[in-house]
Amino acid sequence: MTNEPIRDEPSLFDALYEDENAVVRALRAGAQAESSDEEGMTALYLAAVQDLPGTVRLLLAAGADPDRASGPEAGDLPLCGAACGGHTEVVEALLSAGARPDLREEFGFTALRWAVGLGHASTVEALLAGGADPLLPGPRGEPMLVLAAQRGSLRTVRALLAYGAGAPGQEAAVGVALEEARRLAGLNLEQELLGQLEEAYGTGLDAVVRRDLVDGEETVTVELLRDGEPAAGVDRHTGHAEIAALLEGVTRGGAPRGSTPDAPRGTTSGAPPTPPG
């Protein structure tokens, strides 16, 4: 199998924007599942980031490599793209087809690093159940438990602890995560996020705040508006106080520290603020 782009199957890419039946017809007509477009984007990667689990399964069954890198620099992995979007069903399909959960894409990000940093708890659970290493640090050496505590997703912290992130030998990471959870629990989260945005994009823009409940967890989103339209935004979960209480229990030996249960299957940063896509 080669990673050279195959750009002679436009019908497959047209089919991605139609439906699964169109994808089946394109494959039966001879389109190659490993096809890539003129920018080097593979059909599988595009289906993964668009949250098309049925199409992903069709391409995998037709021979698409779940670990083949995509893009102009061949730096984007289907599993990372799906994890970044919180597309849990796609993540599970890729893992079932043999995608390596700890493979790093360009700039050193893993699928788990994306999912933890963005608070996609159900995706975190699926990755951990599929063999992702909760102790593998991010590209800057950041422990996943610390990142989850900063994000404020209690469900993500619980999943990481259940898979060993608080096991003996991880006291330093637990301690830093606890400190971060306590620190953030004591802040006005809306003002903290607004400050991040203004530091990155300047002052003088109108700001709006939104609170949402996603998978039972509250998130706060702050957006800056330019001419009434969103110009930049950042969000965070609000579970810092509960995370601090949980981690205090871990430090006392009163919380799960390394058991590996059956992964819960439900259906969500420390990352810098970015403009909405």
Protein backbone atom coordinates (compact mmCIF):
# COMPACT_ATOMS: atom_id res chain seq x y z
CA MET A 1 0.00 0.00 0.00
CA THR A 2 1.30 3.44 -0.88
CA ASN A 3 0.66 6.81 0.70
CA GLU A 4 0.96 8.61 -2.64
CA PRO A 5 -2.23 10.59 -3.37
CA ILE A 6 -4.70 8.98 -5.75
CA ARG A 7 -6.57 11.85 -7.39
CA ASP A 8 -8.42 10.14 -10.21
CA GLU A 9 -11.58 9.24 -8.32
CA PRO A 10 -13.58 12.47 -8.00
CA SER A 11 -16.84 10.53 -7.84
CA LEU A 12 -15.95 9.24 -4.38
CA PHE A 13 -15.45 12.77 -3.04
CA ASP A 14 -18.69 13.90 -4.64
CA ALA A 15 -20.38 10.97 -2.95
CA LEU A 16 -19.12 12.06 0.48
CA TYR A 17 -21.39 15.09 0.21
CA GLU A 18 -24.40 13.01 -0.81
CA ASP A 19 -25.15 9.90 1.23
CA GLU A 20 -23.91 6.40 2.04
CA ASN A 21 -25.66 4.92 -1.00
CA ALA A 22 -23.67 7.26 -3.22
CA VAL A 23 -20.47 6.12 -1.52
CA VAL A 24 -21.42 2.48 -2.13
CA ARG A 25 -22.09 3.22 -5.80
CA ALA A 26 -18.75 4.99 -6.18
CA LEU A 27 -16.87 2.11 -4.58
CA ARG A 28 -18.70 -0.46 -6.70
CA ALA A 29 -17.86 1.58 -9.79
CA GLY A 30 -14.17 1.24 -8.99
CA ALA A 31 -13.33 4.21 -6.80
CA GLN A 32 -10.47 3.37 -4.46
CA ALA A 33 -11.13 3.68 -0.73
CA GLU A 34 -7.62 5.14 -0.36
CA SER A 35 -8.37 8.02 -2.72
CA SER A 36 -7.12 11.49 -1.85
CA ASP A 37 -8.01 14.86 -3.34
CA GLU A 38 -5.76 17.49 -4.88
CA GLU A 39 -4.77 18.73 -1.40
CA GLY A 40 -3.84 15.27 -0.20
CA MET A 41 -6.95 14.89 1.96
CA THR A 42 -8.09 11.29 2.07
CA ALA A 43 -11.71 10.29 1.75
CA LEU A 44 -11.49 8.57 5.13
CA TYR A 45 -10.17 11.68 6.87
CA LEU A 46 -12.88 13.87 5.37
CA ALA A 47 -15.57 11.40 6.43
CA ALA A 48 -14.09 11.24 9.93
CA VAL A 49 -14.02 14.99 10.51
CA GLN A 50 -17.54 15.37 9.08
CA ASP A 51 -18.86 12.79 11.58
CA LEU A 52 -20.04 10.29 8.99
CA PRO A 53 -19.72 6.97 10.85
CA GLY A 54 -21.56 4.95 8.22
CA THR A 55 -19.33 6.25 5.46
CA VAL A 56 -16.25 5.68 7.60
CA ARG A 57 -17.25 2.03 8.05
CA LEU A 58 -17.83 1.62 4.31
CA LEU A 59 -14.40 3.03 3.48
CA LEU A 60 -12.70 0.90 6.12
CA ALA A 61 -14.46 -2.23 4.86
CA ALA A 62 -13.28 -1.35 1.34
CA GLY A 63 -9.66 -1.22 2.48
CA ALA A 64 -8.97 2.32 3.68
CA ASP A 65 -6.05 2.44 6.12
CA PRO A 66 -7.31 3.86 9.45
CA ASP A 67 -3.83 5.19 10.28
CA ARG A 68 -3.01 6.81 6.95
CA ALA A 69 -2.03 10.46 7.44
CA SER A 70 -3.83 13.08 5.39
CA GLY A 71 -3.37 16.64 4.19
CA PRO A 72 -0.75 18.61 2.23
CA GLU A 73 1.98 17.73 4.74
CA ALA A 74 0.54 14.29 5.57
CA GLY A 75 0.16 15.43 9.15
CA ASP A 76 -3.51 14.77 9.96
CA LEU A 77 -4.80 11.44 11.25
CA PRO A 78 -8.43 10.28 10.91
CA LEU A 79 -8.59 9.28 14.59
CA CYS A 80 -7.31 12.68 15.71
CA GLY A 81 -9.72 14.48 13.41
CA ALA A 82 -12.65 12.54 14.80
CA ALA A 83 -11.50 13.00 18.40
CA CYS A 84 -11.07 16.75 17.90
CA GLY A 85 -14.70 17.01 16.86
CA GLY A 86 -15.98 14.72 19.60
CA HIS A 87 -17.24 12.23 17.01
CA THR A 88 -17.36 9.22 19.31
CA GLU A 89 -19.02 6.76 16.94
CA VAL A 90 -16.41 7.48 14.28
CA VAL A 91 -13.64 7.03 16.86
CA GLU A 92 -15.07 3.64 17.81
CA ALA A 93 -15.28 2.58 14.16
CA LEU A 94 -11.65 3.55 13.53
CA LEU A 95 -10.45 1.78 16.66
CA SER A 96 -12.41 -1.34 15.70
CA ALA A 97 -10.61 -1.28 12.33
CA GLY A 98 -7.21 -1.21 14.01
CA ALA A 99 -6.39 2.48 14.35
CA ARG A 100 -3.55 2.92 16.84
CA PRO A 101 -4.93 5.10 19.65
CA ASP A 102 -1.60 6.63 20.72
CA LEU A 103 -0.30 7.53 17.26
CA ARG A 104 0.86 11.15 17.15
CA GLU A 105 0.02 13.43 14.26
CA GLU A 106 1.76 16.63 13.22
CA PHE A 107 2.88 18.76 16.20
CA GLY A 108 2.73 15.74 18.50
CA PHE A 109 -0.97 15.60 19.28
CA THR A 110 -2.68 12.28 19.98
CA ALA A 111 -6.40 11.61 19.72
CA LEU A 112 -6.65 11.52 23.51
CA ARG A 113 -4.89 14.88 23.80
CA TRP A 114 -7.46 16.44 21.48
CA ALA A 115 -10.44 14.88 23.24
CA VAL A 116 -9.26 15.69 26.77
CA GLY A 117 -8.29 19.26 25.93
CA LEU A 118 -11.64 19.96 24.29
CA GLY A 119 -13.71 18.22 26.95
CA HIS A 120 -15.23 15.49 24.77
CA ALA A 121 -15.79 13.07 27.63
CA SER A 122 -17.56 10.29 25.71
CA THR A 123 -14.75 10.32 23.15
CA VAL A 124 -12.19 10.13 25.96
CA GLU A 125 -14.03 7.09 27.33
CA ALA A 126 -14.04 5.40 23.92
CA LEU A 127 -10.32 6.05 23.39
CA LEU A 128 -9.40 4.72 26.82
CA ALA A 129 -11.54 1.63 26.25
CA GLY A 130 -9.74 1.22 22.92
CA GLY A 131 -6.31 1.19 24.53
CA ALA A 132 -5.24 4.84 24.67
CA ASP A 133 -2.58 5.42 27.32
CA PRO A 134 -3.86 7.89 29.98
CA LEU A 135 -0.27 8.50 31.10
CA LEU A 136 1.07 9.51 27.69
CA PRO A 137 1.77 13.26 27.89
CA GLY A 138 0.81 15.85 25.33
CA PRO A 139 3.26 17.54 22.95
CA ARG A 140 4.43 19.98 25.63
CA GLY A 141 4.71 17.29 28.29
CA GLU A 142 1.31 18.07 29.80
CA PRO A 143 -0.28 15.18 31.75
CA MET A 144 -3.80 14.31 30.62
CA LEU A 145 -5.13 14.51 34.18
CA VAL A 146 -3.86 18.07 34.58
CA LEU A 147 -5.35 19.05 31.23
CA ALA A 148 -8.72 17.55 32.19
CA ALA A 149 -8.69 19.38 35.52
CA GLN A 150 -7.98 22.66 33.75
CA ARG A 151 -10.76 21.97 31.29
CA GLY A 152 -13.21 21.38 34.14
CA SER A 153 -14.85 18.20 32.85
CA LEU A 154 -15.56 15.99 35.85
CA ARG A 155 -16.59 13.10 33.63
CA THR A 156 -13.27 13.22 31.79
CA VAL A 157 -11.32 13.28 35.06
CA ARG A 158 -13.27 10.28 36.33
CA ALA A 159 -12.55 8.34 33.14
CA LEU A 160 -8.83 9.07 33.33
CA LEU A 161 -8.70 8.04 36.99
CA ALA A 162 -10.58 4.82 36.23
CA TYR A 163 -7.93 3.92 33.66
CA GLY A 164 -4.93 4.60 35.87
CA ALA A 165 -4.17 8.33 35.74
CA GLY A 166 -4.20 8.43 39.55
CA ALA A 167 -2.32 5.17 40.10
CA PRO A 168 0.72 4.90 42.40
CA GLY A 169 3.59 6.80 40.83
CA GLN A 170 1.31 9.54 39.51
CA GLU A 171 1.27 11.61 42.70
CA ALA A 172 2.95 14.60 41.07
CA ALA A 173 0.39 14.81 38.27
CA VAL A 174 -2.47 14.36 40.72
CA GLY A 175 -1.05 17.14 42.87
CA VAL A 176 -0.76 19.58 39.98
CA ALA A 177 -4.24 18.68 38.75
CA LEU A 178 -5.62 19.31 42.24
CA GLU A 179 -3.89 22.69 42.44
CA GLU A 180 -5.27 23.71 39.06
CA ALA A 181 -8.80 22.58 39.92
CA ARG A 182 -8.71 24.53 43.18
CA ARG A 183 -7.32 27.62 41.46
CA LEU A 184 -9.92 27.64 38.72
CA ALA A 185 -12.75 26.85 41.13
CA GLY A 186 -11.94 30.10 42.91
CA LEU A 187 -12.08 32.27 39.79
CA ASN A 188 -14.90 34.02 38.01
CA LEU A 189 -14.81 31.73 34.99
CA GLU A 190 -16.56 34.14 32.65
CA GLN A 191 -14.06 36.89 33.45
CA GLU A 192 -11.16 34.45 33.15
CA LEU A 193 -12.23 33.40 29.66
CA LEU A 194 -12.94 36.98 28.61
CA GLY A 195 -9.46 37.94 29.77
CA GLN A 196 -7.92 35.18 27.64
CA LEU A 197 -9.78 36.40 24.58
CA GLU A 198 -8.90 40.05 25.11
CA GLU A 199 -5.24 39.15 25.62
CA ALA A 200 -5.25 37.32 22.29
CA TYR A 201 -7.51 39.59 20.24
CA GLY A 202 -7.51 42.95 22.01
CA THR A 203 -10.19 44.92 23.82
CA GLY A 204 -13.07 46.93 22.46
CA LEU A 205 -15.18 44.13 21.00
CA ASP A 206 -18.58 43.20 22.37
CA ALA A 207 -18.72 39.94 24.32
CA VAL A 208 -21.52 37.45 24.85
CA VAL A 209 -21.67 34.62 27.37
CA ARG A 210 -23.54 31.37 26.88
CA ARG A 211 -24.07 28.48 29.26
CA ASP A 212 -24.98 25.06 27.88
CA LEU A 213 -25.58 21.60 29.32
CA VAL A 214 -23.82 18.91 27.29
CA ASP A 215 -23.99 15.27 28.38
CA GLY A 216 -24.94 16.38 31.87
CA GLU A 217 -22.02 18.81 32.22
CA GLU A 218 -22.29 22.58 32.15
CA THR A 219 -20.06 24.57 29.83
CA VAL A 220 -19.46 28.32 29.68
CA THR A 221 -18.71 29.88 26.31
CA VAL A 222 -17.50 33.46 25.86
CA GLU A 223 -17.46 34.94 22.36
CA LEU A 224 -16.19 38.24 21.01
CA LEU A 225 -18.36 39.87 18.35
CA ARG A 226 -17.26 41.98 15.42
CA ASP A 227 -20.10 43.71 13.58
CA GLY A 228 -22.51 41.45 15.42
CA GLU A 229 -20.84 38.25 14.23
CA PRO A 230 -18.67 35.89 16.33
CA ALA A 231 -15.00 36.74 15.82
CA ALA A 232 -13.41 34.49 18.43
CA GLY A 233 -14.53 32.27 21.26
CA VAL A 234 -13.37 30.01 24.06
CA ASP A 235 -15.24 27.63 26.33
CA ARG A 236 -14.66 25.69 29.50
CA HIS A 237 -16.55 23.19 31.65
CA THR A 238 -17.56 24.29 35.14
CA GLY A 239 -16.76 21.20 37.23
CA HIS A 240 -13.58 22.49 38.87
CA ALA A 241 -14.89 22.40 42.45
CA GLU A 242 -16.16 18.83 42.03
CA ILE A 243 -12.87 17.81 40.43
CA ALA A 244 -10.94 19.29 43.35
CA ALA A 245 -13.06 17.30 45.80
CA LEU A 246 -12.52 14.11 43.79
CA LEU A 247 -8.76 14.60 43.58
CA GLU A 248 -8.56 15.36 47.29
CA GLY A 249 -10.03 11.91 47.78
CA VAL A 250 -7.40 10.43 45.47
CA THR A 251 -4.61 12.00 47.51
CA ARG A 252 -6.10 10.42 50.63
CA GLY A 253 -6.46 7.06 48.91
CA GLY A 254 -10.24 7.26 48.90
CA ALA A 255 -10.90 7.25 45.14
CA PRO A 256 -10.20 4.79 42.32
CA ARG A 257 -6.50 4.88 41.54
CA GLY A 258 -5.88 2.38 38.80
CA SER A 259 -8.68 -0.09 38.18
CA THR A 260 -9.77 -0.59 34.60
CA PRO A 261 -13.55 -1.03 34.47
CA ASP A 262 -15.72 -1.60 31.47
CA ALA A 263 -15.66 1.80 29.81
CA PRO A 264 -18.86 3.80 30.18
CA ARG A 265 -20.34 4.57 26.81
CA GLY A 266 -22.23 7.81 26.78
CA THR A 267 -22.41 10.30 24.13
CA THR A 268 -17.84 16.23 25.24
CA SER A 269 -9.17 23.57 27.64
CA GLY A 270 -6.46 24.18 28.46
CA ALA A 271 -5.99 25.04 24.80
CA PRO A 272 -5.68 28.68 23.83
CA PRO A 273 -8.75 30.43 22.47
CA THR A 274 -9.30 30.06 18.75
CA PRO A 275 -11.72 31.63 16.32
CA PRO A 276 -14.78 29.48 15.69
CA GLY A 277 -14.67 27.40 12.51
